[in-house]
PDB file of N, CA and C in Angstrom:
ATOM      1  N   MET A   1       0.842  -1.139   0.043  1.00  0.00           N
ATOM      2  CA  MET A   1      -0.013   0.034   0.045  1.00  0.00           C
ATOM      3  C   MET A   1       0.905   1.247   0.014  1.00  0.00           C
ATOM      4  N   LYS A   2       0.659   2.087  -0.912  1.00  0.00           N
ATOM      5  CA  LYS A   2       1.511   3.375  -0.979  1.00  0.00           C
ATOM      6  C   LYS A   2       0.728   4.487  -0.167  1.00  0.00           C
ATOM      7  N   LEU A   3       1.429   5.419   0.276  1.00  0.00           N
ATOM      8  CA  LEU A   3       0.821   6.554   0.925  1.00  0.00           C
ATOM      9  C   LEU A   3       1.011   7.813   0.121  1.00  0.00           C
ATOM     10  N   ASP A   4       0.022   8.622   0.137  1.00  0.00           N
ATOM     11  CA  ASP A   4       0.028   9.918  -0.590  1.00  0.00           C
ATOM     12  C   ASP A   4       0.767  10.875   0.255  1.00  0.00           C
ATOM     13  N   ALA A   5       2.039  11.141  -0.095  1.00  0.00           N
ATOM     14  CA  ALA A   5       2.933  11.909   0.740  1.00  0.00           C
ATOM     15  C   ALA A   5       2.421  13.210   1.084  1.00  0.00           C
ATOM     16  N   ILE A   6       1.835  13.912   0.212  1.00  0.00           N
ATOM     17  CA  ILE A   6       1.335  15.259   0.447  1.00  0.00           C
ATOM     18  C   ILE A   6       0.199  15.146   1.406  1.00  0.00           C
ATOM     19  N   LYS A   7      -0.834  14.354   1.128  1.00  0.00           N
ATOM     20  CA  LYS A   7      -1.957  14.201   2.186  1.00  0.00           C
ATOM     21  C   LYS A   7      -1.530  13.709   3.507  1.00  0.00           C
ATOM     22  N   PHE A   8      -0.611  12.848   3.581  1.00  0.00           N
ATOM     23  CA  PHE A   8       0.006  12.367   4.826  1.00  0.00           C
ATOM     24  C   PHE A   8       0.682  13.553   5.576  1.00  0.00           C
ATOM     25  N   GLY A   9       1.462  14.352   4.877  1.00  0.00           N
ATOM     26  CA  GLY A   9       2.223  15.538   5.415  1.00  0.00           C
ATOM     27  C   GLY A   9       1.162  16.561   5.875  1.00  0.00           C
ATOM     28  N   VAL A  10       0.111  16.897   5.124  1.00  0.00           N
ATOM     29  CA  VAL A  10      -0.792  17.875   5.575  1.00  0.00           C
ATOM     30  C   VAL A  10      -1.596  17.392   6.726  1.00  0.00           C
ATOM     31  N   ALA A  11      -2.011  16.082   6.865  1.00  0.00           N
ATOM     32  CA  ALA A  11      -2.686  15.420   7.905  1.00  0.00           C
ATOM     33  C   ALA A  11      -1.816  15.574   9.262  1.00  0.00           C
ATOM     34  N   THR A  12      -0.573  15.316   9.077  1.00  0.00           N
ATOM     35  CA  THR A  12       0.375  15.406  10.251  1.00  0.00           C
ATOM     36  C   THR A  12       0.472  16.722  10.649  1.00  0.00           C
ATOM     37  N   ALA A  13       0.639  17.707   9.706  1.00  0.00           N
ATOM     38  CA  ALA A  13       0.635  19.114  10.171  1.00  0.00           C
ATOM     39  C   ALA A  13      -0.569  19.564  10.887  1.00  0.00           C
ATOM     40  N   ILE A  14      -1.708  19.175  10.471  1.00  0.00           N
ATOM     41  CA  ILE A  14      -2.950  19.557  11.139  1.00  0.00           C
ATOM     42  C   ILE A  14      -2.985  18.966  12.547  1.00  0.00           C
ATOM     43  N   VAL A  15      -2.649  17.712  12.683  1.00  0.00           N
ATOM     44  CA  VAL A  15      -2.744  17.116  14.024  1.00  0.00           C
ATOM     45  C   VAL A  15      -1.623  17.729  14.956  1.00  0.00           C
ATOM     46  N   PHE A  16      -0.519  17.923  14.450  1.00  0.00           N
ATOM     47  CA  PHE A  16       0.602  18.606  15.328  1.00  0.00           C
ATOM     48  C   PHE A  16       0.062  20.050  15.665  1.00  0.00           C
ATOM     49  N   GLY A  17      -0.642  20.744  14.725  1.00  0.00           N
ATOM     50  CA  GLY A  17      -1.131  22.068  15.093  1.00  0.00           C
ATOM     51  C   GLY A  17      -2.122  22.051  16.130  1.00  0.00           C
ATOM     52  N   LEU A  18      -3.023  20.977  16.107  1.00  0.00           N
ATOM     53  CA  LEU A  18      -4.051  20.808  17.169  1.00  0.00           C
ATOM     54  C   LEU A  18      -3.467  20.521  18.511  1.00  0.00           C
ATOM     55  N   PHE A  19      -2.482  19.693  18.547  1.00  0.00           N
ATOM     56  CA  PHE A  19      -1.724  19.362  19.760  1.00  0.00           C
ATOM     57  C   PHE A  19      -0.819  20.607  20.286  1.00  0.00           C
ATOM     58  N   TRP A  20      -0.332  21.442  19.401  1.00  0.00           N
ATOM     59  CA  TRP A  20       0.211  22.694  19.751  1.00  0.00           C
ATOM     60  C   TRP A  20      -0.739  23.620  20.423  1.00  0.00           C
ATOM     61  N   ILE A  21      -1.898  23.796  19.934  1.00  0.00           N
ATOM     62  CA  ILE A  21      -2.870  24.729  20.529  1.00  0.00           C
ATOM     63  C   ILE A  21      -3.391  24.136  21.842  1.00  0.00           C
ATOM     64  N   ALA A  22      -3.514  22.809  21.869  1.00  0.00           N
ATOM     65  CA  ALA A  22      -4.078  22.179  23.140  1.00  0.00           C
ATOM     66  C   ALA A  22      -2.943  22.347  24.283  1.00  0.00           C
ATOM     67  N   CYS A  23      -1.618  22.178  23.963  1.00  0.00           N
ATOM     68  CA  CYS A  23      -0.572  22.265  24.889  1.00  0.00           C
ATOM     69  C   CYS A  23      -0.490  23.745  25.353  1.00  0.00           C
ATOM     70  N   SER A  24      -0.528  24.637  24.431  1.00  0.00           N
ATOM     71  CA  SER A  24      -0.443  26.135  24.753  1.00  0.00           C
ATOM     72  C   SER A  24      -1.513  26.524  25.617  1.00  0.00           C
ATOM     73  N   PHE A  25      -2.795  26.055  25.339  1.00  0.00           N
ATOM     74  CA  PHE A  25      -3.883  26.319  26.341  1.00  0.00           C
ATOM     75  C   PHE A  25      -3.718  25.715  27.700  1.00  0.00           C
ATOM     76  N   LEU A  26      -3.127  24.535  27.865  1.00  0.00           N
ATOM     77  CA  LEU A  26      -2.851  23.875  29.065  1.00  0.00           C
ATOM     78  C   LEU A  26      -1.752  24.701  29.781  1.00  0.00           C
ATOM     79  N   VAL A  27      -0.801  25.144  29.107  1.00  0.00           N
ATOM     80  CA  VAL A  27       0.308  26.038  29.718  1.00  0.00           C
ATOM     81  C   VAL A  27      -0.310  27.316  30.281  1.00  0.00           C
ATOM     82  N   MET A  28      -1.193  27.880  29.515  1.00  0.00           N
ATOM     83  CA  MET A  28      -1.915  29.166  30.001  1.00  0.00           C
ATOM     84  C   MET A  28      -2.745  28.891  31.218  1.00  0.00           C
ATOM     85  N   MET A  29      -3.452  27.786  31.265  1.00  0.00           N
ATOM     86  CA  MET A  29      -4.418  27.432  32.374  1.00  0.00           C
ATOM     87  C   MET A  29      -3.635  26.891  33.586  1.00  0.00           C
ATOM     88  N   SER A  30      -2.612  26.204  33.464  1.00  0.00           N
ATOM     89  CA  SER A  30      -1.863  25.632  34.594  1.00  0.00           C
ATOM     90  C   SER A  30      -0.358  25.575  34.359  1.00  0.00           C
ATOM     91  N   PRO A  31       0.263  26.803  34.401  1.00  0.00           N
ATOM     92  CA  PRO A  31       1.664  26.935  34.007  1.00  0.00           C
ATOM     93  C   PRO A  31       2.622  26.007  35.005  1.00  0.00           C
ATOM     94  N   SER A  32       2.369  25.974  36.281  1.00  0.00           N
ATOM     95  CA  SER A  32       3.274  25.205  37.089  1.00  0.00           C
ATOM     96  C   SER A  32       3.095  23.635  36.913  1.00  0.00           C
ATOM     97  N   PHE A  33       1.910  23.178  36.729  1.00  0.00           N
ATOM     98  CA  PHE A  33       1.735  21.808  36.463  1.00  0.00           C
ATOM     99  C   PHE A  33       2.397  21.377  35.090  1.00  0.00           C
ATOM    100  N   MET A  34       2.320  22.268  34.120  1.00  0.00           N
ATOM    101  CA  MET A  34       2.849  21.915  32.854  1.00  0.00           C
ATOM    102  C   MET A  34       4.324  22.043  32.881  1.00  0.00           C
ATOM    103  N   MET A  35       5.003  22.887  33.705  1.00  0.00           N
ATOM    104  CA  MET A  35       6.339  23.101  33.877  1.00  0.00           C
ATOM    105  C   MET A  35       6.846  21.805  34.521  1.00  0.00           C
ATOM    106  N   ASP A  36       6.052  21.342  35.474  1.00  0.00           N
ATOM    107  CA  ASP A  36       6.588  20.118  36.264  1.00  0.00           C
ATOM    108  C   ASP A  36       6.466  18.886  35.289  1.00  0.00           C
ATOM    109  N   MET A  37       5.368  18.801  34.453  1.00  0.00           N
ATOM    110  CA  MET A  37       5.145  17.793  33.416  1.00  0.00           C
ATOM    111  C   MET A  37       6.317  17.814  32.321  1.00  0.00           C
ATOM    112  N   SER A  38       6.727  18.960  31.956  1.00  0.00           N
ATOM    113  CA  SER A  38       7.828  19.138  30.893  1.00  0.00           C
ATOM    114  C   SER A  38       9.103  18.644  31.594  1.00  0.00           C
ATOM    115  N   GLY A  39       9.398  18.962  32.814  1.00  0.00           N
ATOM    116  CA  GLY A  39      10.521  18.482  33.609  1.00  0.00           C
ATOM    117  C   GLY A  39      10.462  16.968  33.589  1.00  0.00           C
ATOM    118  N   HIS A  40       9.434  16.272  33.832  1.00  0.00           N
ATOM    119  CA  HIS A  40       9.348  14.900  33.878  1.00  0.00           C
ATOM    120  C   HIS A  40       9.573  14.274  32.606  1.00  0.00           C
ATOM    121  N   MET A  41       9.105  14.892  31.546  1.00  0.00           N
ATOM    122  CA  MET A  41       9.356  14.378  30.138  1.00  0.00           C
ATOM    123  C   MET A  41      10.717  14.425  29.721  1.00  0.00           C
ATOM    124  N   ILE A  42      11.577  15.358  30.204  1.00  0.00           N
ATOM    125  CA  ILE A  42      12.916  15.390  29.759  1.00  0.00           C
ATOM    126  C   ILE A  42      13.860  14.869  30.899  1.00  0.00           C
ATOM    127  N   HIS A  43      13.267  14.351  31.920  1.00  0.00           N
ATOM    128  CA  HIS A  43      14.166  13.913  33.146  1.00  0.00           C
ATOM    129  C   HIS A  43      14.872  15.028  33.668  1.00  0.00           C
ATOM    130  N   GLY A  44      14.412  16.162  33.833  1.00  0.00           N
ATOM    131  CA  GLY A  44      15.210  17.327  34.352  1.00  0.00           C
ATOM    132  C   GLY A  44      14.342  18.080  35.395  1.00  0.00           C
ATOM    133  N   ASP A  45      15.096  18.888  36.096  1.00  0.00           N
ATOM    134  CA  ASP A  45      14.458  19.748  37.119  1.00  0.00           C
ATOM    135  C   ASP A  45      14.312  21.182  36.557  1.00  0.00           C
ATOM    136  N   LEU A  46      13.171  21.541  36.193  1.00  0.00           N
ATOM    137  CA  LEU A  46      12.830  22.911  35.600  1.00  0.00           C
ATOM    138  C   LEU A  46      12.181  23.793  36.649  1.00  0.00           C
ATOM    139  N   SER A  47      12.319  23.468  37.888  1.00  0.00           N
ATOM    140  CA  SER A  47      11.573  24.242  38.943  1.00  0.00           C
ATOM    141  C   SER A  47      12.053  25.651  38.948  1.00  0.00           C
ATOM    142  N   GLU A  48      13.314  25.916  38.467  1.00  0.00           N
ATOM    143  CA  GLU A  48      13.819  27.411  38.627  1.00  0.00           C
ATOM    144  C   GLU A  48      13.429  28.204  37.287  1.00  0.00           C
ATOM    145  N   MET A  49      12.664  27.547  36.435  1.00  0.00           N
ATOM    146  CA  MET A  49      12.312  28.149  35.228  1.00  0.00           C
ATOM    147  C   MET A  49      10.880  28.540  35.240  1.00  0.00           C
ATOM    148  N   SER A  50      10.528  29.309  34.375  1.00  0.00           N
ATOM    149  CA  SER A  50       9.090  29.839  34.242  1.00  0.00           C
ATOM    150  C   SER A  50       8.749  30.012  32.685  1.00  0.00           C
ATOM    151  N   TRP A  51       7.416  29.947  32.466  1.00  0.00           N
ATOM    152  CA  TRP A  51       6.910  30.210  31.030  1.00  0.00           C
ATOM    153  C   TRP A  51       6.846  31.716  30.779  1.00  0.00           C
ATOM    154  N   HIS A  52       7.129  31.905  29.446  1.00  0.00           N
ATOM    155  CA  HIS A  52       6.927  33.348  28.993  1.00  0.00           C
ATOM    156  C   HIS A  52       6.262  33.146  27.678  1.00  0.00           C
ATOM    157  N   MET A  53       4.962  33.109  27.650  1.00  0.00           N
ATOM    158  CA  MET A  53       4.160  32.922  26.572  1.00  0.00           C
ATOM    159  C   MET A  53       3.551  34.220  26.037  1.00  0.00           C
ATOM    160  N   THR A  54       3.634  34.486  24.733  1.00  0.00           N
ATOM    161  CA  THR A  54       2.834  35.606  24.088  1.00  0.00           C
ATOM    162  C   THR A  54       2.208  35.008  23.064  1.00  0.00           C
ATOM    163  N   PHE A  55       1.215  35.847  22.486  1.00  0.00           N
ATOM    164  CA  PHE A  55       0.261  35.427  21.452  1.00  0.00           C
ATOM    165  C   PHE A  55       1.123  35.183  20.215  1.00  0.00           C
ATOM    166  N   SER A  56       2.040  36.035  19.942  1.00  0.00           N
ATOM    167  CA  SER A  56       2.784  35.872  18.647  1.00  0.00           C
ATOM    168  C   SER A  56       3.783  34.530  18.850  1.00  0.00           C
ATOM    169  N   GLY A  57       4.150  34.273  20.084  1.00  0.00           N
ATOM    170  CA  GLY A  57       5.029  33.148  20.151  1.00  0.00           C
ATOM    171  C   GLY A  57       4.312  31.872  19.980  1.00  0.00           C
ATOM    172  N   VAL A  58       2.904  31.878  20.384  1.00  0.00           N
ATOM    173  CA  VAL A  58       2.130  30.847  20.214  1.00  0.00           C
ATOM    174  C   VAL A  58       1.899  30.518  18.717  1.00  0.00           C
ATOM    175  N   VAL A  59       1.547  31.642  18.045  1.00  0.00           N
ATOM    176  CA  VAL A  59       1.247  31.579  16.536  1.00  0.00           C
ATOM    177  C   VAL A  59       2.483  31.142  15.794  1.00  0.00           C
ATOM    178  N   ILE A  60       3.695  31.741  16.112  1.00  0.00           N
ATOM    179  CA  ILE A  60       4.908  31.361  15.399  1.00  0.00           C
ATOM    180  C   ILE A  60       5.218  29.829  15.716  1.00  0.00           C
ATOM    181  N   GLY A  61       5.141  29.488  16.856  1.00  0.00           N
ATOM    182  CA  GLY A  61       5.362  28.080  17.253  1.00  0.00           C
ATOM    183  C   GLY A  61       4.399  27.213  16.541  1.00  0.00           C
ATOM    184  N   LEU A  62       3.221  27.582  16.405  1.00  0.00           N
ATOM    185  CA  LEU A  62       2.098  26.642  15.681  1.00  0.00           C
ATOM    186  C   LEU A  62       2.626  26.523  14.266  1.00  0.00           C
ATOM    187  N   ILE A  63       3.010  27.638  13.585  1.00  0.00           N
ATOM    188  CA  ILE A  63       3.338  27.618  12.163  1.00  0.00           C
ATOM    189  C   ILE A  63       4.614  26.762  12.000  1.00  0.00           C
ATOM    190  N   VAL A  64       5.615  26.996  12.798  1.00  0.00           N
ATOM    191  CA  VAL A  64       6.858  26.333  12.662  1.00  0.00           C
ATOM    192  C   VAL A  64       6.769  24.761  12.908  1.00  0.00           C
ATOM    193  N   TRP A  65       6.204  24.472  14.029  1.00  0.00           N
ATOM    194  CA  TRP A  65       5.926  23.015  14.309  1.00  0.00           C
ATOM    195  C   TRP A  65       5.099  22.330  13.334  1.00  0.00           C
ATOM    196  N   SER A  66       4.093  22.901  12.835  1.00  0.00           N
ATOM    197  CA  SER A  66       3.240  22.368  11.911  1.00  0.00           C
ATOM    198  C   SER A  66       3.917  22.110  10.592  1.00  0.00           C
ATOM    199  N   LEU A  67       4.537  23.194  10.175  1.00  0.00           N
ATOM    200  CA  LEU A  67       5.392  22.992   8.925  1.00  0.00           C
ATOM    201  C   LEU A  67       6.416  21.948   9.003  1.00  0.00           C
ATOM    202  N   PHE A  68       7.239  22.016   9.875  1.00  0.00           N
ATOM    203  CA  PHE A  68       8.306  20.984  10.093  1.00  0.00           C
ATOM    204  C   PHE A  68       7.625  19.553  10.203  1.00  0.00           C
ATOM    205  N   ALA A  69       6.582  19.352  10.993  1.00  0.00           N
ATOM    206  CA  ALA A  69       6.021  18.058  11.130  1.00  0.00           C
ATOM    207  C   ALA A  69       5.492  17.575   9.754  1.00  0.00           C
ATOM    208  N   GLY A  70       4.816  18.514   9.131  1.00  0.00           N
ATOM    209  CA  GLY A  70       4.287  18.108   7.808  1.00  0.00           C
ATOM    210  C   GLY A  70       5.293  17.850   6.848  1.00  0.00           C
ATOM    211  N   LEU A  71       6.454  18.504   6.693  1.00  0.00           N
ATOM    212  CA  LEU A  71       7.458  18.206   5.769  1.00  0.00           C
ATOM    213  C   LEU A  71       8.152  16.949   6.199  1.00  0.00           C
ATOM    214  N   ILE A  72       8.530  16.621   7.475  1.00  0.00           N
ATOM    215  CA  ILE A  72       9.118  15.405   7.769  1.00  0.00           C
ATOM    216  C   ILE A  72       8.155  14.170   7.523  1.00  0.00           C
ATOM    217  N   ALA A  73       6.948  14.415   7.870  1.00  0.00           N
ATOM    218  CA  ALA A  73       5.984  13.230   7.551  1.00  0.00           C
ATOM    219  C   ALA A  73       5.857  12.877   5.969  1.00  0.00           C
ATOM    220  N   GLY A  74       5.827  14.087   5.312  1.00  0.00           N
ATOM    221  CA  GLY A  74       5.826  13.911   3.823  1.00  0.00           C
ATOM    222  C   GLY A  74       6.932  13.156   3.339  1.00  0.00           C
ATOM    223  N   LEU A  75       8.243  13.430   3.841  1.00  0.00           N
ATOM    224  CA  LEU A  75       9.463  12.786   3.508  1.00  0.00           C
ATOM    225  C   LEU A  75       9.460  11.392   3.978  1.00  0.00           C
ATOM    226  N   ILE A  76       8.916  11.128   5.195  1.00  0.00           N
ATOM    227  CA  ILE A  76       8.887   9.695   5.651  1.00  0.00           C
ATOM    228  C   ILE A  76       7.889   8.930   4.654  1.00  0.00           C
ATOM    229  N   ALA A  77       6.743   9.446   4.332  1.00  0.00           N
ATOM    230  CA  ALA A  77       5.886   8.774   3.392  1.00  0.00           C
ATOM    231  C   ALA A  77       6.496   8.595   2.081  1.00  0.00           C
ATOM    232  N   HIS A  78       7.263   9.579   1.512  1.00  0.00           N
ATOM    233  CA  HIS A  78       7.968   9.375   0.202  1.00  0.00           C
ATOM    234  C   HIS A  78       8.987   8.169   0.410  1.00  0.00           C
ATOM    235  N   VAL A  79       9.797   8.166   1.431  1.00  0.00           N
ATOM    236  CA  VAL A  79      10.847   7.096   1.610  1.00  0.00           C
ATOM    237  C   VAL A  79      10.113   5.784   1.773  1.00  0.00           C
ATOM    238  N   TYR A  80       8.979   5.783   2.515  1.00  0.00           N
ATOM    239  CA  TYR A  80       8.139   4.466   2.615  1.00  0.00           C
ATOM    240  C   TYR A  80       7.707   4.000   1.309  1.00  0.00           C
ATOM    241  N   ASN A  81       7.160   4.888   0.479  1.00  0.00           N
ATOM    242  CA  ASN A  81       6.708   4.508  -0.787  1.00  0.00           C
ATOM    243  C   ASN A  81       7.816   3.892  -1.658  1.00  0.00           C
ATOM    244  N   LYS A  82       8.996   4.390  -1.487  1.00  0.00           N
ATOM    245  CA  LYS A  82      10.148   3.792  -2.287  1.00  0.00           C
ATOM    246  C   LYS A  82      10.591   2.409  -1.852  1.00  0.00           C
ATOM    247  N   MET A  83      10.233   2.203  -0.509  1.00  0.00           N
ATOM    248  CA  MET A  83      10.562   0.825   0.016  1.00  0.00           C
ATOM    249  C   MET A  83       9.585  -0.194  -0.228  1.00  0.00           C
ATOM    250  N   VAL A  84       8.327   0.119  -0.597  1.00  0.00           N
ATOM    251  CA  VAL A  84       7.301  -0.726  -0.786  1.00  0.00           C
ATOM    252  C   VAL A  84       7.370  -1.406  -2.223  1.00  0.00           C
TER     253      VAL A  84
END
């Protein structure tokens, strides 16, 4: 079965974008919990750090993460199709 690399890339970009928005919302609603969670995810102590979120930062992060996720997924689908 071959994958449509463009559709797969776009779908991945959309899903990553939705997760970025959800994560940004969680950081805004509960910054200390999310900082603790982030520390646990990287096996580090982030207790001395704090979040600095701006609307433009959320939008730029949304665009960049979605774009890169989509491009990488499209490349993965392309390589997969060559292997099938």
